[in-house]
Amino acid sequence: MSAIIYSLCALTALGCALLLLRGYRRSRYRLLLWSGLCFAGLTVNNLLLVVDKVALPGDDLSVARTLVALGSMIVLLFGLIWDSES
């Protein structure tokens, strides 16, 4: 059951990333770009969660998952700061 939930979370994050990046392509509003890149990173984070908990339950990928999530949030934070200055 947990594999289904983890997979649905990854698919939801992927859907958000695609919609945000498509919106950016149409409007060129940069906040959509930063948000889309953040959700793309969160998709990778969720895929690592599936691999960590379902495919390789003996391995510990929590450090890699945390670094990917941190990188995603830094991208969004950078975008928020960058766009507020211009």
PDB file of N, CA and C in Angstrom:
ATOM      1  N   MET A   1       0.815  -1.194   0.000  1.00  0.00           N
ATOM      2  CA  MET A   1       0.000   0.000   0.000  1.00  0.00           C
ATOM      3  C   MET A   1       0.861   1.262   0.000  1.00  0.00           C
ATOM      4  N   SER A   2       1.967   1.228   0.745  1.00  0.00           N
ATOM      5  CA  SER A   2       2.820   2.415   0.807  1.00  0.00           C
ATOM      6  C   SER A   2       3.463   2.711  -0.541  1.00  0.00           C
ATOM      7  N   ALA A   3       3.751   1.665  -1.327  1.00  0.00           N
ATOM      8  CA  ALA A   3       4.340   1.887  -2.654  1.00  0.00           C
ATOM      9  C   ALA A   3       3.384   2.673  -3.547  1.00  0.00           C
ATOM     10  N   ILE A   4       2.103   2.404  -3.427  1.00  0.00           N
ATOM     11  CA  ILE A   4       1.107   3.125  -4.224  1.00  0.00           C
ATOM     12  C   ILE A   4       1.061   4.593  -3.806  1.00  0.00           C
ATOM     13  N   ILE A   5       1.095   4.833  -2.517  1.00  0.00           N
ATOM     14  CA  ILE A   5       1.037   6.217  -2.024  1.00  0.00           C
ATOM     15  C   ILE A   5       2.287   6.981  -2.436  1.00  0.00           C
ATOM     16  N   TYR A   6       3.467   6.366  -2.284  1.00  0.00           N
ATOM     17  CA  TYR A   6       4.704   7.028  -2.692  1.00  0.00           C
ATOM     18  C   TYR A   6       4.696   7.332  -4.186  1.00  0.00           C
ATOM     19  N   SER A   7       4.212   6.383  -4.971  1.00  0.00           N
ATOM     20  CA  SER A   7       4.153   6.582  -6.426  1.00  0.00           C
ATOM     21  C   SER A   7       3.166   7.685  -6.794  1.00  0.00           C
ATOM     22  N   LEU A   8       2.028   7.735  -6.115  1.00  0.00           N
ATOM     23  CA  LEU A   8       1.060   8.800  -6.383  1.00  0.00           C
ATOM     24  C   LEU A   8       1.623  10.169  -6.020  1.00  0.00           C
ATOM     25  N   CYS A   9       2.404  10.232  -4.954  1.00  0.00           N
ATOM     26  CA  CYS A   9       3.056  11.500  -4.593  1.00  0.00           C
ATOM     27  C   CYS A   9       4.038  11.927  -5.672  1.00  0.00           C
ATOM     28  N   ALA A  10       4.793  10.991  -6.200  1.00  0.00           N
ATOM     29  CA  ALA A  10       5.739  11.310  -7.273  1.00  0.00           C
ATOM     30  C   ALA A  10       4.998  11.769  -8.524  1.00  0.00           C
ATOM     31  N   LEU A  11       3.912  11.108  -8.859  1.00  0.00           N
ATOM     32  CA  LEU A  11       3.138  11.498 -10.040  1.00  0.00           C
ATOM     33  C   LEU A  11       2.483  12.867  -9.851  1.00  0.00           C
ATOM     34  N   THR A  12       2.043  13.152  -8.645  1.00  0.00           N
ATOM     35  CA  THR A  12       1.451  14.459  -8.371  1.00  0.00           C
ATOM     36  C   THR A  12       2.490  15.573  -8.508  1.00  0.00           C
ATOM     37  N   ALA A  13       3.676  15.345  -7.954  1.00  0.00           N
ATOM     38  CA  ALA A  13       4.744  16.339  -8.073  1.00  0.00           C
ATOM     39  C   ALA A  13       5.149  16.514  -9.538  1.00  0.00           C
ATOM     40  N   LEU A  14       5.186  15.432 -10.299  1.00  0.00           N
ATOM     41  CA  LEU A  14       5.504  15.520 -11.725  1.00  0.00           C
ATOM     42  C   LEU A  14       4.432  16.316 -12.466  1.00  0.00           C
ATOM     43  N   GLY A  15       3.187  16.047 -12.149  1.00  0.00           N
ATOM     44  CA  GLY A  15       2.094  16.793 -12.780  1.00  0.00           C
ATOM     45  C   GLY A  15       2.174  18.278 -12.478  1.00  0.00           C
ATOM     46  N   CYS A  16       2.473  18.608 -11.234  1.00  0.00           N
ATOM     47  CA  CYS A  16       2.633  20.026 -10.864  1.00  0.00           C
ATOM     48  C   CYS A  16       3.783  20.657 -11.619  1.00  0.00           C
ATOM     49  N   ALA A  17       4.906  19.953 -11.701  1.00  0.00           N
ATOM     50  CA  ALA A  17       6.068  20.489 -12.408  1.00  0.00           C
ATOM     51  C   ALA A  17       5.746  20.730 -13.873  1.00  0.00           C
ATOM     52  N   LEU A  18       5.084  19.782 -14.507  1.00  0.00           N
ATOM     53  CA  LEU A  18       4.742  19.935 -15.926  1.00  0.00           C
ATOM     54  C   LEU A  18       3.789  21.095 -16.156  1.00  0.00           C
ATOM     55  N   LEU A  19       2.779  21.217 -15.307  1.00  0.00           N
ATOM     56  CA  LEU A  19       1.824  22.314 -15.464  1.00  0.00           C
ATOM     57  C   LEU A  19       2.481  23.674 -15.227  1.00  0.00           C
ATOM     58  N   LEU A  20       3.344  23.754 -14.214  1.00  0.00           N
ATOM     59  CA  LEU A  20       4.028  25.018 -13.944  1.00  0.00           C
ATOM     60  C   LEU A  20       4.980  25.393 -15.076  1.00  0.00           C
ATOM     61  N   LEU A  21       5.729  24.426 -15.581  1.00  0.00           N
ATOM     62  CA  LEU A  21       6.662  24.719 -16.673  1.00  0.00           C
ATOM     63  C   LEU A  21       5.929  25.039 -17.974  1.00  0.00           C
ATOM     64  N   ARG A  22       4.802  24.404 -18.191  1.00  0.00           N
ATOM     65  CA  ARG A  22       3.994  24.736 -19.370  1.00  0.00           C
ATOM     66  C   ARG A  22       3.430  26.148 -19.251  1.00  0.00           C
ATOM     67  N   GLY A  23       3.004  26.514 -18.046  1.00  0.00           N
ATOM     68  CA  GLY A  23       2.529  27.873 -17.818  1.00  0.00           C
ATOM     69  C   GLY A  23       3.632  28.891 -18.033  1.00  0.00           C
ATOM     70  N   TYR A  24       4.851  28.537 -17.617  1.00  0.00           N
ATOM     71  CA  TYR A  24       5.974  29.442 -17.845  1.00  0.00           C
ATOM     72  C   TYR A  24       6.241  29.612 -19.338  1.00  0.00           C
ATOM     73  N   ARG A  25       6.182  28.519 -20.071  1.00  0.00           N
ATOM     74  CA  ARG A  25       6.434  28.587 -21.517  1.00  0.00           C
ATOM     75  C   ARG A  25       5.432  29.493 -22.218  1.00  0.00           C
ATOM     76  N   ARG A  26       4.219  29.523 -21.729  1.00  0.00           N
ATOM     77  CA  ARG A  26       3.194  30.360 -22.351  1.00  0.00           C
ATOM     78  C   ARG A  26       3.291  31.824 -21.927  1.00  0.00           C
ATOM     79  N   SER A  27       3.544  32.063 -20.641  1.00  0.00           N
ATOM     80  CA  SER A  27       3.454  33.435 -20.139  1.00  0.00           C
ATOM     81  C   SER A  27       4.807  34.096 -19.886  1.00  0.00           C
ATOM     82  N   ARG A  28       5.868  33.313 -19.788  1.00  0.00           N
ATOM     83  CA  ARG A  28       7.209  33.817 -19.465  1.00  0.00           C
ATOM     84  C   ARG A  28       7.258  34.522 -18.106  1.00  0.00           C
ATOM     85  N   TYR A  29       6.360  34.156 -17.214  1.00  0.00           N
ATOM     86  CA  TYR A  29       6.371  34.666 -15.844  1.00  0.00           C
ATOM     87  C   TYR A  29       7.378  33.821 -15.064  1.00  0.00           C
ATOM     88  N   ARG A  30       8.463  34.446 -14.614  1.00  0.00           N
ATOM     89  CA  ARG A  30       9.603  33.691 -14.091  1.00  0.00           C
ATOM     90  C   ARG A  30       9.314  32.924 -12.809  1.00  0.00           C
ATOM     91  N   LEU A  31       8.374  33.378 -12.013  1.00  0.00           N
ATOM     92  CA  LEU A  31       8.052  32.643 -10.796  1.00  0.00           C
ATOM     93  C   LEU A  31       7.523  31.241 -11.127  1.00  0.00           C
ATOM     94  N   LEU A  32       6.848  31.106 -12.255  1.00  0.00           N
ATOM     95  CA  LEU A  32       6.404  29.782 -12.689  1.00  0.00           C
ATOM     96  C   LEU A  32       7.583  28.889 -13.023  1.00  0.00           C
ATOM     97  N   LEU A  33       8.635  29.460 -13.581  1.00  0.00           N
ATOM     98  CA  LEU A  33       9.835  28.683 -13.883  1.00  0.00           C
ATOM     99  C   LEU A  33      10.473  28.156 -12.611  1.00  0.00           C
ATOM    100  N   TRP A  34      10.675  29.041 -11.627  1.00  0.00           N
ATOM    101  CA  TRP A  34      11.317  28.612 -10.391  1.00  0.00           C
ATOM    102  C   TRP A  34      10.467  27.577  -9.655  1.00  0.00           C
ATOM    103  N   SER A  35       9.160  27.776  -9.655  1.00  0.00           N
ATOM    104  CA  SER A  35       8.275  26.806  -9.002  1.00  0.00           C
ATOM    105  C   SER A  35       8.289  25.472  -9.733  1.00  0.00           C
ATOM    106  N   GLY A  36       8.301  25.523 -11.057  1.00  0.00           N
ATOM    107  CA  GLY A  36       8.357  24.283 -11.840  1.00  0.00           C
ATOM    108  C   GLY A  36       9.640  23.523 -11.611  1.00  0.00           C
ATOM    109  N   LEU A  37      10.764  24.246 -11.526  1.00  0.00           N
ATOM    110  CA  LEU A  37      12.037  23.580 -11.251  1.00  0.00           C
ATOM    111  C   LEU A  37      12.056  22.991  -9.845  1.00  0.00           C
ATOM    112  N   CYS A  38      11.451  23.685  -8.905  1.00  0.00           N
ATOM    113  CA  CYS A  38      11.348  23.163  -7.545  1.00  0.00           C
ATOM    114  C   CYS A  38      10.543  21.861  -7.536  1.00  0.00           C
ATOM    115  N   PHE A  39       9.420  21.847  -8.206  1.00  0.00           N
ATOM    116  CA  PHE A  39       8.601  20.634  -8.237  1.00  0.00           C
ATOM    117  C   PHE A  39       9.265  19.516  -9.030  1.00  0.00           C
ATOM    118  N   ALA A  40      10.083  19.859 -10.017  1.00  0.00           N
ATOM    119  CA  ALA A  40      10.848  18.821 -10.716  1.00  0.00           C
ATOM    120  C   ALA A  40      11.821  18.161  -9.738  1.00  0.00           C
ATOM    121  N   GLY A  41      12.469  18.967  -8.912  1.00  0.00           N
ATOM    122  CA  GLY A  41      13.345  18.403  -7.885  1.00  0.00           C
ATOM    123  C   GLY A  41      12.586  17.584  -6.862  1.00  0.00           C
ATOM    124  N   LEU A  42      11.397  18.042  -6.496  1.00  0.00           N
ATOM    125  CA  LEU A  42      10.588  17.274  -5.544  1.00  0.00           C
ATOM    126  C   LEU A  42      10.106  15.957  -6.162  1.00  0.00           C
ATOM    127  N   THR A  43       9.937  15.948  -7.479  1.00  0.00           N
ATOM    128  CA  THR A  43       9.618  14.686  -8.159  1.00  0.00           C
ATOM    129  C   THR A  43      10.767  13.708  -8.018  1.00  0.00           C
ATOM    130  N   VAL A  44      11.986  14.203  -8.230  1.00  0.00           N
ATOM    131  CA  VAL A  44      13.168  13.346  -8.048  1.00  0.00           C
ATOM    132  C   VAL A  44      13.245  12.874  -6.604  1.00  0.00           C
ATOM    133  N   ASN A  45      12.941  13.750  -5.669  1.00  0.00           N
ATOM    134  CA  ASN A  45      12.933  13.379  -4.254  1.00  0.00           C
ATOM    135  C   ASN A  45      11.937  12.249  -4.001  1.00  0.00           C
ATOM    136  N   ASN A  46      10.750  12.361  -4.566  1.00  0.00           N
ATOM    137  CA  ASN A  46       9.739  11.317  -4.371  1.00  0.00           C
ATOM    138  C   ASN A  46      10.128  10.021  -5.065  1.00  0.00           C
ATOM    139  N   LEU A  47      10.796  10.111  -6.205  1.00  0.00           N
ATOM    140  CA  LEU A  47      11.264   8.890  -6.869  1.00  0.00           C
ATOM    141  C   LEU A  47      12.343   8.208  -6.031  1.00  0.00           C
ATOM    142  N   LEU A  48      13.215   9.008  -5.435  1.00  0.00           N
ATOM    143  CA  LEU A  48      14.205   8.432  -4.529  1.00  0.00           C
ATOM    144  C   LEU A  48      13.538   7.786  -3.315  1.00  0.00           C
ATOM    145  N   LEU A  49      12.446   8.353  -2.863  1.00  0.00           N
ATOM    146  CA  LEU A  49      11.696   7.762  -1.751  1.00  0.00           C
ATOM    147  C   LEU A  49      11.151   6.394  -2.149  1.00  0.00           C
ATOM    148  N   VAL A  50      10.614   6.285  -3.350  1.00  0.00           N
ATOM    149  CA  VAL A  50      10.107   4.995  -3.824  1.00  0.00           C
ATOM    150  C   VAL A  50      11.239   3.979  -3.895  1.00  0.00           C
ATOM    151  N   VAL A  51      12.376   4.403  -4.438  1.00  0.00           N
ATOM    152  CA  VAL A  51      13.523   3.492  -4.528  1.00  0.00           C
ATOM    153  C   VAL A  51      14.004   3.114  -3.134  1.00  0.00           C
ATOM    154  N   ASP A  52      14.068   4.074  -2.243  1.00  0.00           N
ATOM    155  CA  ASP A  52      14.570   3.839  -0.893  1.00  0.00           C
ATOM    156  C   ASP A  52      13.666   2.897  -0.104  1.00  0.00           C
ATOM    157  N   LYS A  53      12.382   3.124  -0.143  1.00  0.00           N
ATOM    158  CA  LYS A  53      11.464   2.368   0.715  1.00  0.00           C
ATOM    159  C   LYS A  53      10.918   1.095   0.066  1.00  0.00           C
ATOM    160  N   VAL A  54      10.827   1.079  -1.277  1.00  0.00           N
ATOM    161  CA  VAL A  54      10.186  -0.057  -1.934  1.00  0.00           C
ATOM    162  C   VAL A  54      11.199  -0.943  -2.653  1.00  0.00           C
ATOM    163  N   ALA A  55      12.012  -0.349  -3.528  1.00  0.00           N
ATOM    164  CA  ALA A  55      12.914  -1.141  -4.357  1.00  0.00           C
ATOM    165  C   ALA A  55      14.130  -1.636  -3.577  1.00  0.00           C
ATOM    166  N   LEU A  56      14.720  -0.772  -2.760  1.00  0.00           N
ATOM    167  CA  LEU A  56      15.917  -1.127  -1.996  1.00  0.00           C
ATOM    168  C   LEU A  56      15.695  -0.841  -0.513  1.00  0.00           C
ATOM    169  N   PRO A  57      14.867  -1.624   0.162  1.00  0.00           N
ATOM    170  CA  PRO A  57      14.537  -1.293   1.554  1.00  0.00           C
ATOM    171  C   PRO A  57      15.726  -1.403   2.506  1.00  0.00           C
ATOM    172  N   GLY A  58      16.761  -2.125   2.143  1.00  0.00           N
ATOM    173  CA  GLY A  58      17.914  -2.266   3.027  1.00  0.00           C
ATOM    174  C   GLY A  58      18.858  -1.079   2.967  1.00  0.00           C
ATOM    175  N   ASP A  59      18.854  -0.373   1.848  1.00  0.00           N
ATOM    176  CA  ASP A  59      19.737   0.780   1.688  1.00  0.00           C
ATOM    177  C   ASP A  59      19.092   2.022   2.296  1.00  0.00           C
ATOM    178  N   ASP A  60      19.949   2.940   2.707  1.00  0.00           N
ATOM    179  CA  ASP A  60      19.451   4.180   3.288  1.00  0.00           C
ATOM    180  C   ASP A  60      19.793   5.338   2.356  1.00  0.00           C
ATOM    181  N   LEU A  61      18.797   5.873   1.681  1.00  0.00           N
ATOM    182  CA  LEU A  61      18.983   6.993   0.766  1.00  0.00           C
ATOM    183  C   LEU A  61      18.458   8.293   1.361  1.00  0.00           C
ATOM    184  N   SER A  62      18.325   8.332   2.673  1.00  0.00           N
ATOM    185  CA  SER A  62      17.731   9.517   3.289  1.00  0.00           C
ATOM    186  C   SER A  62      18.595  10.761   3.107  1.00  0.00           C
ATOM    187  N   VAL A  63      19.913  10.611   3.086  1.00  0.00           N
ATOM    188  CA  VAL A  63      20.784  11.770   2.882  1.00  0.00           C
ATOM    189  C   VAL A  63      20.609  12.313   1.469  1.00  0.00           C
ATOM    190  N   ALA A  64      20.576  11.429   0.490  1.00  0.00           N
ATOM    191  CA  ALA A  64      20.377  11.856  -0.902  1.00  0.00           C
ATOM    192  C   ALA A  64      19.018  12.520  -1.080  1.00  0.00           C
ATOM    193  N   ARG A  65      17.994  11.940  -0.471  1.00  0.00           N
ATOM    194  CA  ARG A  65      16.657  12.538  -0.575  1.00  0.00           C
ATOM    195  C   ARG A  65      16.616  13.913   0.066  1.00  0.00           C
ATOM    196  N   THR A  66      17.253  14.046   1.218  1.00  0.00           N
ATOM    197  CA  THR A  66      17.262  15.334   1.904  1.00  0.00           C
ATOM    198  C   THR A  66      18.018  16.381   1.100  1.00  0.00           C
ATOM    199  N   LEU A  67      19.129  16.003   0.494  1.00  0.00           N
ATOM    200  CA  LEU A  67      19.901  16.943  -0.317  1.00  0.00           C
ATOM    201  C   LEU A  67      19.127  17.385  -1.560  1.00  0.00           C
ATOM    202  N   VAL A  68      18.410  16.464  -2.179  1.00  0.00           N
ATOM    203  CA  VAL A  68      17.598  16.826  -3.348  1.00  0.00           C
ATOM    204  C   VAL A  68      16.465  17.764  -2.935  1.00  0.00           C
ATOM    205  N   ALA A  69      15.817  17.476  -1.825  1.00  0.00           N
ATOM    206  CA  ALA A  69      14.740  18.346  -1.349  1.00  0.00           C
ATOM    207  C   ALA A  69      15.287  19.720  -0.964  1.00  0.00           C
ATOM    208  N   LEU A  70      16.438  19.753  -0.327  1.00  0.00           N
ATOM    209  CA  LEU A  70      17.062  21.022   0.037  1.00  0.00           C
ATOM    210  C   LEU A  70      17.422  21.823  -1.209  1.00  0.00           C
ATOM    211  N   GLY A  71      17.978  21.146  -2.196  1.00  0.00           N
ATOM    212  CA  GLY A  71      18.308  21.824  -3.454  1.00  0.00           C
ATOM    213  C   GLY A  71      17.073  22.383  -4.139  1.00  0.00           C
ATOM    214  N   SER A  72      15.996  21.660  -4.100  1.00  0.00           N
ATOM    215  CA  SER A  72      14.744  22.129  -4.698  1.00  0.00           C
ATOM    216  C   SER A  72      14.228  23.376  -3.998  1.00  0.00           C
ATOM    217  N   MET A  73      14.276  23.368  -2.684  1.00  0.00           N
ATOM    218  CA  MET A  73      13.814  24.529  -1.927  1.00  0.00           C
ATOM    219  C   MET A  73      14.738  25.732  -2.124  1.00  0.00           C
ATOM    220  N   ILE A  74      16.034  25.480  -2.267  1.00  0.00           N
ATOM    221  CA  ILE A  74      16.975  26.572  -2.529  1.00  0.00           C
ATOM    222  C   ILE A  74      16.698  27.201  -3.885  1.00  0.00           C
ATOM    223  N   VAL A  75      16.371  26.375  -4.878  1.00  0.00           N
ATOM    224  CA  VAL A  75      16.022  26.907  -6.202  1.00  0.00           C
ATOM    225  C   VAL A  75      14.804  27.816  -6.097  1.00  0.00           C
ATOM    226  N   LEU A  76      13.786  27.384  -5.382  1.00  0.00           N
ATOM    227  CA  LEU A  76      12.586  28.199  -5.227  1.00  0.00           C
ATOM    228  C   LEU A  76      12.887  29.474  -4.438  1.00  0.00           C
ATOM    229  N   LEU A  77      13.642  29.364  -3.377  1.00  0.00           N
ATOM    230  CA  LEU A  77      14.003  30.529  -2.582  1.00  0.00           C
ATOM    231  C   LEU A  77      14.824  31.523  -3.399  1.00  0.00           C
ATOM    232  N   PHE A  78      15.772  31.012  -4.176  1.00  0.00           N
ATOM    233  CA  PHE A  78      16.559  31.876  -5.051  1.00  0.00           C
ATOM    234  C   PHE A  78      15.663  32.617  -6.046  1.00  0.00           C
ATOM    235  N   GLY A  79      14.708  31.882  -6.628  1.00  0.00           N
ATOM    236  CA  GLY A  79      13.792  32.495  -7.573  1.00  0.00           C
ATOM    237  C   GLY A  79      12.934  33.561  -6.931  1.00  0.00           C
ATOM    238  N   LEU A  80      12.481  33.311  -5.714  1.00  0.00           N
ATOM    239  CA  LEU A  80      11.663  34.311  -5.011  1.00  0.00           C
ATOM    240  C   LEU A  80      12.467  35.570  -4.718  1.00  0.00           C
ATOM    241  N   ILE A  81      13.708  35.397  -4.294  1.00  0.00           N
ATOM    242  CA  ILE A  81      14.549  36.553  -4.001  1.00  0.00           C
ATOM    243  C   ILE A  81      14.939  37.281  -5.292  1.00  0.00           C
ATOM    244  N   TRP A  82      15.319  36.532  -6.298  1.00  0.00           N
ATOM    245  CA  TRP A  82      15.741  37.109  -7.571  1.00  0.00           C
ATOM    246  C   TRP A  82      14.618  37.916  -8.214  1.00  0.00           C
ATOM    247  N   ASP A  83      13.415  37.385  -8.217  1.00  0.00           N
ATOM    248  CA  ASP A  83      12.292  38.074  -8.851  1.00  0.00           C
ATOM    249  C   ASP A  83      11.769  39.236  -8.018  1.00  0.00           C
ATOM    250  N   SER A  84      12.018  39.233  -6.724  1.00  0.00           N
ATOM    251  CA  SER A  84      11.553  40.351  -5.914  1.00  0.00           C
ATOM    252  C   SER A  84      12.428  41.588  -6.116  1.00  0.00           C
ATOM    253  N   GLU A  85      13.670  41.379  -6.549  1.00  0.00           N
ATOM    254  CA  GLU A  85      14.585  42.492  -6.761  1.00  0.00           C
ATOM    255  C   GLU A  85      14.393  43.166  -8.111  1.00  0.00           C
ATOM    256  N   SER A  86      13.826  42.447  -9.078  1.00  0.00           N
ATOM    257  CA  SER A  86      13.685  43.031 -10.407  1.00  0.00           C
ATOM    258  C   SER A  86      12.296  43.542 -10.693  1.00  0.00           C
TER     259      SER A  86
END
